[in-house]
Amino acid sequence: MTDIPRHQADLVVTTDGPLLTCAAEGGGLGLLEGGVVAARAGIIVWVGSKAQAEVELSLAGDARWVDCGRRVLMPGVVECHSHPVFAGNRAGEFQMRVGGSEYEEIARAGGGIMSTVRETRDASPELLLARGRRHLDWMLDYGITTVEAKSGYGLNTDSELRLLEVIAELGRTHPATVVGTFLGAHTVPLEYKGRADDYVDLVVEEMLPRVAEANLARFCDVFCEDVAFNLDQSHRVLQAAKEYGLVPKIHADQLSAGGGAQLAAEVGAVSAEHLDYTDGPGIAALAEAGVTAVLLPGAVFFLGRTDYAPARALLEAGVPVAISTDFNPGTCYSENPFLMGTIASCYMGLSASEVILGLTRHAAGALSMEGQVGSLSPGRRADILVLESEDYLDLPYHFGVNPVAAVFKDGRLVRDRSGGLVSAGGLVSAGKPQAAEDKLGRAG
């Protein structure tokens, strides 16, 4: 009889309840009732049932075994659209909107993005780093283990480079995986008012070469909208970005059906984001080109609007649908991805399964990181969430709370809100945990 190969692990996380791998063929949740995730050196090496684990796992001498009772296990959340590095806040503008002012009216008066730009340009790198770290800490509390961080609040060469340098430093020093996106074409700064083409010249001829030379971003984004950059200007920015080796992303069809979705398909963007007004031709173009739709329901909600992206039409057309917070100081000041899931369920008709996949597997696709994060399968990072609940249907249902009991990032425990995880000990031998095992108390 041939011996079954055994996978050596230094971390084993088990549940008697649902394990959501988000790695199923055909796009399902990959649900295992009573499952095990095993990792070595921060990478998942094995996923399966407890019975299989007895046979197929070999445990390193310093291995940690974590028993989660019947709690849900799922992949770490992938935040694929956020603006976490800035100075100041716009709480006053929110009160103006509550009083009846429109977002576009505030922006034309020098508020909106430009108010944040003024504060951010004056801020020191140390302040921006501290503020960015604080927001990433809050994201990690909510189980966000991978973060796409956009620039876009500098809008001149030196300030945009400073923002991207801060984002890169956060990537080196924060537990979360941080991915930089250059968004120099966020809006036209006041010093270029009425000269949008001249500002695009600056972005293309000066900013992009400097960003690429310093290797400060993986992606390039542009806000394609009447209040920012038109289709021709957006195309120019994204085409130049491709020539410098950056992958295109696009803020598309947020305020009007302006052809942004079709542009995303034309330039081979990895994602088109917002899409609140995308129409049939835009949906068809995204589907044909294989572009991931990143939906940001929190921004619609926070702006007090009702025109949510056509999520069901996108899904029915075969477009992968990701969900993200769009965390930013003006239009969605929340780091809670699960709240976005609830809004997506209530106003876009997404099921719990579609929400979870949107926050994990499809969000990873929006960053071209499907092979690294967004699912619990061998070869992926050991980014594992332990939920408070025994039922994954609670995620969009129990809203406004933090459902995360514990967070493992790259196989290391970085957050424990359960009150029952013993950080000392955890040694195992012969596949069985000793009395000093790490154990999460049973939910309920």
Protein backbone atom coordinates (compact mmCIF):
# COMPACT_ATOMS: atom_id res chain seq x y z
CA MET A 1 0.00 0.00 0.00
CA THR A 2 1.42 3.39 -1.00
CA ASP A 3 1.75 5.90 1.82
CA ILE A 4 -0.38 9.02 1.43
CA PRO A 5 1.85 12.14 1.20
CA ARG A 6 1.63 14.23 4.35
CA HIS A 7 1.64 18.02 4.29
CA GLN A 8 3.71 19.58 7.07
CA ALA A 9 2.04 22.53 8.80
CA ASP A 10 2.95 24.99 11.53
CA LEU A 11 -0.61 26.38 11.81
CA VAL A 12 -3.83 24.35 11.85
CA VAL A 13 -7.19 26.13 12.18
CA THR A 14 -10.29 23.96 12.58
CA THR A 15 -14.04 24.43 12.85
CA ASP A 16 -16.97 22.12 13.44
CA GLY A 17 -19.06 24.67 11.58
CA PRO A 18 -18.85 26.20 8.07
CA LEU A 19 -15.51 26.63 6.32
CA LEU A 20 -15.89 28.92 3.31
CA THR A 21 -12.96 28.39 0.98
CA CYS A 22 -14.35 30.70 -1.76
CA ALA A 23 -12.37 28.49 -4.13
CA ALA A 24 -15.06 26.30 -5.66
CA GLU A 25 -15.14 25.60 -9.38
CA GLY A 26 -18.01 27.52 -10.91
CA GLY A 27 -17.66 30.38 -8.44
CA GLY A 28 -19.43 29.04 -5.35
CA LEU A 29 -18.44 29.45 -1.73
CA GLY A 30 -16.66 26.10 -1.55
CA LEU A 31 -18.47 25.26 1.68
CA LEU A 32 -17.06 22.53 3.93
CA GLU A 33 -19.10 21.70 7.00
CA GLY A 34 -16.46 20.99 9.59
CA GLY A 35 -13.13 21.78 7.97
CA VAL A 36 -9.44 22.40 8.47
CA VAL A 37 -7.02 24.97 7.03
CA ALA A 38 -3.33 24.17 7.43
CA ALA A 39 -0.44 26.50 6.66
CA ARG A 40 3.33 26.50 6.65
CA ALA A 41 5.46 29.68 6.74
CA GLY A 42 2.41 31.83 6.08
CA ILE A 43 1.17 29.91 3.03
CA ILE A 44 -1.78 27.50 2.96
CA VAL A 45 -0.59 23.96 2.30
CA TRP A 46 -3.76 21.95 2.80
CA VAL A 47 -7.56 22.38 3.16
CA GLY A 48 -10.00 19.58 3.90
CA SER A 49 -12.09 17.74 6.46
CA LYS A 50 -11.05 16.81 9.97
CA ALA A 51 -11.07 13.13 9.06
CA GLN A 52 -8.71 13.77 6.15
CA ALA A 53 -6.47 15.90 8.36
CA GLU A 54 -5.78 12.91 10.61
CA VAL A 55 -4.22 11.13 7.65
CA GLU A 56 -2.81 13.86 5.43
CA LEU A 57 -1.29 16.40 7.83
CA SER A 58 2.11 16.25 9.46
CA LEU A 59 2.73 18.83 12.18
CA ALA A 60 5.93 20.76 12.73
CA GLY A 61 7.40 20.72 16.21
CA ASP A 62 6.33 24.32 16.88
CA ALA A 63 2.91 23.99 15.26
CA ARG A 64 -0.11 25.82 16.64
CA TRP A 65 -3.54 24.20 16.59
CA VAL A 66 -6.54 26.54 16.86
CA ASP A 67 -9.99 25.05 17.50
CA CYS A 68 -12.71 27.55 16.60
CA GLY A 69 -15.66 25.57 17.90
CA ARG A 70 -18.48 25.98 15.40
CA ARG A 71 -17.50 29.46 14.24
CA VAL A 72 -17.37 30.31 10.54
CA LEU A 73 -13.95 30.37 8.87
CA MET A 74 -13.47 32.40 5.68
CA PRO A 75 -10.73 34.16 3.71
CA GLY A 76 -9.46 37.58 4.71
CA VAL A 77 -11.37 40.44 3.09
CA VAL A 78 -9.72 42.10 0.10
CA GLU A 79 -10.32 45.86 0.04
CA CYS A 80 -9.91 46.63 -3.66
CA HIS A 81 -10.86 50.32 -3.76
CA SER A 82 -9.84 52.72 -1.01
CA HIS A 83 -8.29 56.14 -0.38
CA PRO A 84 -6.79 55.71 3.12
CA VAL A 85 -3.97 58.30 3.08
CA PHE A 86 -5.03 61.94 3.44
CA ALA A 87 -5.14 64.79 5.93
CA GLY A 88 -8.12 66.64 7.40
CA ASN A 89 -11.73 65.55 7.21
CA ARG A 90 -14.96 66.66 5.58
CA ALA A 91 -17.47 66.27 8.39
CA GLY A 92 -18.68 69.81 7.72
CA GLU A 93 -19.40 68.97 4.10
CA PHE A 94 -21.46 66.01 5.22
CA GLN A 95 -23.62 68.40 7.22
CA MET A 96 -23.94 70.59 4.13
CA ARG A 97 -25.23 67.59 2.19
CA VAL A 98 -27.63 66.79 5.01
CA GLY A 99 -28.87 70.36 4.65
CA GLY A 100 -29.58 69.88 0.95
CA SER A 101 -26.36 70.80 -0.90
CA GLU A 102 -25.38 68.49 -3.77
CA TYR A 103 -21.93 66.92 -3.95
CA GLU A 104 -21.21 68.56 -7.33
CA GLU A 105 -22.26 71.98 -5.96
CA ILE A 106 -19.84 71.61 -3.03
CA ALA A 107 -17.05 70.54 -5.37
CA ARG A 108 -17.57 73.50 -7.71
CA ALA A 109 -17.30 75.83 -4.72
CA GLY A 110 -13.83 74.50 -3.91
CA GLY A 111 -14.90 71.78 -1.51
CA GLY A 112 -15.00 68.06 -2.15
CA ILE A 113 -11.74 66.48 -3.26
CA MET A 114 -9.96 69.84 -3.44
CA SER A 115 -10.53 70.57 0.25
CA THR A 116 -8.74 67.33 1.08
CA VAL A 117 -6.01 68.17 -1.44
CA ARG A 118 -5.27 71.45 0.34
CA GLU A 119 -4.95 69.73 3.73
CA THR A 120 -2.91 66.84 2.33
CA ARG A 121 -0.43 69.03 0.46
CA ASP A 122 0.35 70.84 3.73
CA ALA A 123 0.70 67.65 5.79
CA SER A 124 4.04 66.09 6.71
CA PRO A 125 4.87 62.54 5.64
CA GLU A 126 4.87 61.59 9.33
CA LEU A 127 1.29 62.82 9.78
CA LEU A 128 0.13 61.07 6.62
CA LEU A 129 1.82 57.84 7.71
CA ALA A 130 0.20 57.97 11.15
CA ARG A 131 -3.23 58.71 9.70
CA GLY A 132 -2.89 56.00 7.07
CA ARG A 133 -1.75 53.45 9.67
CA ARG A 134 -4.74 54.27 11.86
CA HIS A 135 -7.18 53.63 9.01
CA LEU A 136 -5.42 50.38 8.06
CA ASP A 137 -5.61 49.29 11.70
CA TRP A 138 -9.36 49.80 11.67
CA MET A 139 -9.61 47.90 8.41
CA LEU A 140 -7.65 45.02 9.90
CA ASP A 141 -10.06 44.96 12.85
CA TYR A 142 -12.79 44.25 10.28
CA GLY A 143 -10.83 41.42 8.72
CA ILE A 144 -9.38 43.36 5.77
CA THR A 145 -6.02 41.71 5.15
CA THR A 146 -5.28 43.13 1.67
CA VAL A 147 -5.77 46.81 0.85
CA GLU A 148 -5.57 48.68 -2.44
CA ALA A 149 -4.56 52.24 -1.52
CA LYS A 150 -4.95 55.07 -4.04
CA SER A 151 -3.12 58.37 -4.16
CA GLY A 152 -5.03 61.30 -5.65
CA TYR A 153 -5.04 63.89 -2.88
CA GLY A 154 -1.80 65.55 -3.97
CA LEU A 155 -2.50 66.49 -7.60
CA ASN A 156 0.99 67.81 -8.20
CA THR A 157 4.09 65.77 -8.83
CA ASP A 158 5.80 66.14 -5.46
CA SER A 159 2.63 65.59 -3.43
CA GLU A 160 1.52 62.56 -5.45
CA LEU A 161 4.95 60.97 -5.08
CA ARG A 162 4.89 61.69 -1.35
CA LEU A 163 1.52 59.97 -1.00
CA LEU A 164 2.73 56.91 -2.91
CA GLU A 165 5.89 56.79 -0.80
CA VAL A 166 3.73 56.80 2.35
CA ILE A 167 1.59 54.02 0.88
CA ALA A 168 4.75 52.02 0.11
CA GLU A 169 6.00 52.53 3.67
CA LEU A 170 2.66 51.31 5.03
CA GLY A 171 3.10 48.23 2.86
CA ARG A 172 6.50 47.59 4.44
CA THR A 173 5.45 48.16 8.05
CA HIS A 174 1.76 47.26 8.43
CA PRO A 175 0.52 43.67 8.83
CA ALA A 176 -1.90 44.06 5.91
CA THR A 177 -0.77 43.59 2.32
CA VAL A 178 -0.92 47.09 0.79
CA VAL A 179 -1.09 47.62 -2.98
CA GLY A 180 -0.42 51.10 -4.39
CA THR A 181 -2.50 52.75 -7.12
CA PHE A 182 -1.53 56.04 -8.77
CA LEU A 183 -4.59 58.31 -9.07
CA GLY A 184 -3.01 61.56 -10.16
CA ALA A 185 -5.99 62.02 -12.48
CA HIS A 186 -8.48 62.21 -9.61
CA THR A 187 -9.73 65.67 -10.47
CA VAL A 188 -8.41 68.86 -12.06
CA PRO A 189 -6.66 70.94 -9.35
CA LEU A 190 -7.65 74.57 -8.91
CA GLU A 191 -4.40 75.87 -10.39
CA TYR A 192 -5.36 74.11 -13.65
CA LYS A 193 -9.03 75.14 -13.59
CA GLY A 194 -10.27 75.40 -17.17
CA ARG A 195 -7.06 73.74 -18.43
CA ALA A 196 -7.76 70.06 -17.97
CA ASP A 197 -5.72 69.09 -21.03
CA ASP A 198 -2.67 70.86 -19.60
CA TYR A 199 -3.08 68.96 -16.35
CA VAL A 200 -3.31 65.68 -18.26
CA ASP A 201 0.00 66.68 -19.92
CA LEU A 202 1.51 66.93 -16.43
CA VAL A 203 0.14 63.55 -15.39
CA VAL A 204 1.33 61.81 -18.55
CA GLU A 205 4.63 63.56 -19.19
CA GLU A 206 5.92 64.12 -15.65
CA MET A 207 4.03 62.20 -12.96
CA LEU A 208 3.75 58.82 -14.66
CA PRO A 209 7.45 58.57 -15.57
CA ARG A 210 8.44 59.44 -11.99
CA VAL A 211 5.99 56.95 -10.49
CA ALA A 212 7.16 54.19 -12.81
CA GLU A 213 10.85 54.95 -12.29
CA ALA A 214 10.44 54.72 -8.51
CA ASN A 215 8.23 51.61 -8.79
CA LEU A 216 5.67 53.19 -6.46
CA ALA A 217 2.44 51.78 -7.89
CA ARG A 218 1.08 48.64 -9.51
CA PHE A 219 -2.03 50.29 -10.97
CA CYS A 220 -3.08 53.58 -12.52
CA ASP A 221 -6.62 54.86 -12.01
CA VAL A 222 -8.53 57.82 -13.47
CA PHE A 223 -11.83 59.47 -12.55
CA CYS A 224 -13.68 59.43 -15.88
CA GLU A 225 -16.60 61.81 -15.38
CA ASP A 226 -17.83 65.22 -16.55
CA VAL A 227 -16.67 66.81 -13.28
CA ALA A 228 -13.18 65.33 -13.73
CA PHE A 229 -11.78 63.89 -17.00
CA ASN A 230 -13.56 63.12 -20.24
CA LEU A 231 -13.19 59.92 -22.26
CA ASP A 232 -10.35 61.19 -24.44
CA GLN A 233 -8.38 62.51 -21.47
CA SER A 234 -8.97 59.33 -19.49
CA HIS A 235 -7.91 57.18 -22.44
CA ARG A 236 -4.70 59.17 -22.78
CA VAL A 237 -3.81 58.69 -19.10
CA LEU A 238 -4.52 54.96 -19.07
CA GLN A 239 -2.79 54.28 -22.37
CA ALA A 240 0.32 56.08 -21.14
CA ALA A 241 0.15 54.14 -17.88
CA LYS A 242 0.20 50.87 -19.81
CA GLU A 243 3.29 52.02 -21.67
CA TYR A 244 4.99 52.55 -18.30
CA GLY A 245 3.97 49.09 -17.09
CA LEU A 246 1.07 50.10 -14.83
CA VAL A 247 -2.22 48.20 -15.03
CA PRO A 248 -5.30 50.35 -15.81
CA LYS A 249 -8.23 50.82 -13.45
CA ILE A 250 -11.02 53.35 -13.91
CA HIS A 251 -13.63 55.23 -11.89
CA ALA A 252 -16.45 54.75 -14.40
CA ASP A 253 -20.07 55.85 -14.75
CA GLN A 254 -20.41 57.00 -11.14
CA LEU A 255 -22.45 60.15 -11.80
CA SER A 256 -23.63 59.53 -15.36
CA ALA A 257 -23.52 56.94 -18.15
CA GLY A 258 -20.50 58.47 -19.82
CA GLY A 259 -18.97 55.47 -21.57
CA GLY A 260 -16.48 54.71 -18.83
CA ALA A 261 -17.32 51.01 -18.83
CA GLN A 262 -16.64 50.75 -22.55
CA LEU A 263 -13.35 52.58 -22.07
CA ALA A 264 -12.36 50.10 -19.35
CA ALA A 265 -12.93 47.27 -21.81
CA GLU A 266 -11.09 49.07 -24.62
CA VAL A 267 -7.89 49.67 -22.62
CA GLY A 268 -7.91 46.25 -20.95
CA ALA A 269 -8.51 47.55 -17.44
CA VAL A 270 -8.42 44.98 -14.67
CA SER A 271 -11.45 46.65 -13.09
CA ALA A 272 -14.11 49.29 -13.62
CA GLU A 273 -15.27 50.89 -10.39
CA HIS A 274 -18.55 52.46 -9.22
CA LEU A 275 -20.67 51.78 -12.38
CA ASP A 276 -23.79 53.27 -10.79
CA TYR A 277 -25.11 54.44 -14.18
CA THR A 278 -23.63 51.78 -16.45
CA ASP A 279 -26.06 50.74 -19.18
CA GLY A 280 -26.54 47.63 -21.32
CA PRO A 281 -23.74 48.33 -23.83
CA GLY A 282 -21.35 49.05 -20.99
CA ILE A 283 -22.25 45.80 -19.23
CA ALA A 284 -21.80 43.85 -22.45
CA ALA A 285 -18.39 45.43 -23.03
CA LEU A 286 -17.22 44.54 -19.51
CA ALA A 287 -18.41 40.96 -19.91
CA GLU A 288 -16.70 40.48 -23.26
CA ALA A 289 -13.41 41.94 -22.02
CA GLY A 290 -13.43 40.08 -18.69
CA VAL A 291 -13.24 43.25 -16.60
CA THR A 292 -14.13 42.94 -12.92
CA ALA A 293 -16.87 45.30 -11.73
CA VAL A 294 -16.03 46.89 -8.38
CA LEU A 295 -19.28 48.10 -6.82
CA LEU A 296 -19.20 50.72 -4.06
CA PRO A 297 -22.67 50.86 -2.52
CA GLY A 298 -21.47 52.76 0.54
CA ALA A 299 -20.71 55.81 -1.60
CA VAL A 300 -24.22 55.87 -3.05
CA PHE A 301 -25.68 55.41 0.43
CA PHE A 302 -23.51 58.10 2.05
CA LEU A 303 -24.31 60.60 -0.70
CA GLY A 304 -28.01 60.05 -0.01
CA ARG A 305 -28.71 58.76 -3.49
CA THR A 306 -30.72 55.84 -4.81
CA ASP A 307 -29.09 54.96 -8.14
CA TYR A 308 -27.16 51.85 -7.19
CA ALA A 309 -25.08 49.95 -9.71
CA PRO A 310 -26.96 47.28 -11.72
CA ALA A 311 -25.44 44.36 -9.84
CA ARG A 312 -27.90 41.72 -10.99
CA ALA A 313 -27.55 42.67 -14.65
CA LEU A 314 -23.76 42.54 -14.30
CA LEU A 315 -23.86 39.09 -12.69
CA GLU A 316 -26.33 37.75 -15.24
CA ALA A 317 -24.01 38.94 -18.02
CA GLY A 318 -21.15 36.99 -16.46
CA VAL A 319 -19.20 39.98 -15.09
CA PRO A 320 -17.32 39.20 -11.84
CA VAL A 321 -18.69 41.53 -9.17
CA ALA A 322 -16.47 42.75 -6.34
CA ILE A 323 -17.61 44.87 -3.41
CA SER A 324 -15.46 47.45 -1.66
CA THR A 325 -15.80 50.28 0.83
CA ASP A 326 -14.44 53.17 -1.27
CA PHE A 327 -13.14 54.40 2.09
CA ASN A 328 -12.40 58.11 1.68
CA PRO A 329 -12.98 61.34 3.61
CA GLY A 330 -15.80 62.68 1.46
CA THR A 331 -18.18 60.10 0.04
CA CYS A 332 -17.77 56.99 2.22
CA TYR A 333 -16.08 57.48 5.57
CA SER A 334 -16.34 53.89 6.76
CA GLU A 335 -13.81 51.07 6.98
CA ASN A 336 -16.52 48.41 7.52
CA PRO A 337 -16.73 46.11 4.45
CA PHE A 338 -19.55 44.05 5.94
CA LEU A 339 -21.76 47.13 6.18
CA MET A 340 -21.18 47.55 2.43
CA GLY A 341 -22.34 43.96 2.03
CA THR A 342 -25.59 44.72 3.84
CA ILE A 343 -26.22 47.76 1.64
CA ALA A 344 -25.48 45.62 -1.43
CA SER A 345 -28.02 43.05 -0.25
CA CYS A 346 -30.72 45.59 0.56
CA TYR A 347 -30.39 47.85 -2.49
CA MET A 348 -28.70 45.69 -5.12
CA GLY A 349 -30.31 42.34 -4.34
CA LEU A 350 -27.07 40.45 -3.69
CA SER A 351 -27.26 37.21 -1.72
CA ALA A 352 -24.99 36.43 1.22
CA SER A 353 -22.89 34.18 -1.02
CA GLU A 354 -22.54 36.91 -3.66
CA VAL A 355 -21.55 39.43 -0.98
CA ILE A 356 -18.89 37.13 0.49
CA LEU A 357 -17.42 36.31 -2.91
CA GLY A 358 -17.52 40.00 -3.76
CA LEU A 359 -15.46 40.82 -0.69
CA THR A 360 -12.95 38.03 -1.23
CA ARG A 361 -12.41 36.10 -4.46
CA HIS A 362 -13.74 38.69 -6.91
CA ALA A 363 -12.08 41.55 -5.01
CA ALA A 364 -8.79 39.69 -5.40
CA GLY A 365 -9.52 39.49 -9.13
CA ALA A 366 -9.88 43.27 -9.23
CA LEU A 367 -6.23 43.41 -8.10
CA SER A 368 -4.98 40.54 -10.30
CA MET A 369 -4.23 38.67 -7.06
CA GLU A 370 -6.50 35.63 -7.36
CA GLY A 371 -3.49 33.35 -7.01
CA GLN A 372 -2.43 34.97 -3.73
CA VAL A 373 -5.45 36.07 -1.69
CA GLY A 374 -9.24 35.94 -1.66
CA SER A 375 -9.64 32.18 -1.15
CA LEU A 376 -8.53 29.44 1.21
CA SER A 377 -6.70 27.00 -1.01
CA PRO A 378 -3.15 25.65 -1.24
CA GLY A 379 -0.61 28.19 -2.42
CA ARG A 380 -2.57 31.22 -1.17
CA ARG A 381 -1.54 33.38 1.75
CA ALA A 382 -2.83 32.11 5.06
CA ASP A 383 -5.17 35.09 5.54
CA ILE A 384 -7.96 33.55 7.61
CA LEU A 385 -10.91 35.11 9.41
CA VAL A 386 -12.70 33.52 12.35
CA LEU A 387 -16.20 34.98 12.65
CA GLU A 388 -18.22 35.37 15.84
CA SER A 389 -21.15 33.57 14.21
CA GLU A 390 -21.84 29.93 13.40
CA ASP A 391 -23.80 30.89 10.26
CA TYR A 392 -22.35 32.81 7.31
CA LEU A 393 -25.84 34.12 6.47
CA ASP A 394 -25.41 36.44 9.46
CA LEU A 395 -22.89 38.56 7.56
CA PRO A 396 -25.31 40.81 5.65
CA TYR A 397 -28.10 40.18 8.18
CA HIS A 398 -26.49 41.36 11.45
CA PHE A 399 -25.43 44.77 10.21
CA GLY A 400 -23.49 47.62 11.76
CA VAL A 401 -21.38 45.37 13.98
CA ASN A 402 -17.95 43.82 13.63
CA PRO A 403 -18.51 40.10 12.97
CA VAL A 404 -14.81 39.18 13.15
CA ALA A 405 -13.54 37.25 16.19
CA ALA A 406 -9.95 36.77 15.05
CA VAL A 407 -7.69 37.54 12.10
CA PHE A 408 -4.74 35.52 10.87
CA LYS A 409 -2.51 37.32 8.38
CA ASP A 410 0.16 35.27 6.60
CA GLY A 411 -0.40 32.56 9.21
CA ARG A 412 0.14 34.91 12.15
CA LEU A 413 -2.55 35.93 14.64
CA VAL A 414 -2.83 39.73 14.31
CA ARG A 415 -6.23 40.37 15.86
CA ASP A 416 -8.13 38.51 18.59
CA ARG A 417 -11.48 39.89 19.71
CA SER A 418 -12.83 36.51 20.85
CA GLY A 419 -11.68 36.67 24.46
CA GLY A 420 -10.90 32.95 24.28
CA LEU A 421 -7.76 32.51 22.22
CA VAL A 422 -4.78 31.49 24.35
CA SER A 423 -1.71 32.99 22.72
CA ALA A 424 0.80 30.96 24.71
CA GLY A 425 1.46 27.28 24.07
CA GLY A 426 -0.41 25.62 21.25
CA LEU A 427 2.14 22.88 20.70
CA VAL A 428 0.78 19.75 19.06
CA SER A 429 2.17 16.26 18.65
CA ALA A 430 1.13 13.23 16.59
CA GLY A 431 -1.65 15.30 15.04
CA LYS A 432 -3.41 15.92 18.35
CA PRO A 433 -3.42 19.20 20.30
CA GLN A 434 -1.96 19.11 23.81
CA ALA A 435 -3.81 20.51 26.80
CA ALA A 436 -2.18 23.90 26.22
CA GLU A 437 -3.73 24.19 22.73
CA ASP A 438 -4.91 27.50 21.41
CA LYS A 439 -8.70 27.36 21.52
CA LEU A 440 -11.42 29.81 20.60
CA GLY A 441 -14.39 29.45 22.92
CA ARG A 442 -17.49 28.10 21.24
CA ALA A 443 -19.82 30.72 19.85
CA GLY A 444 -23.29 31.03 21.11
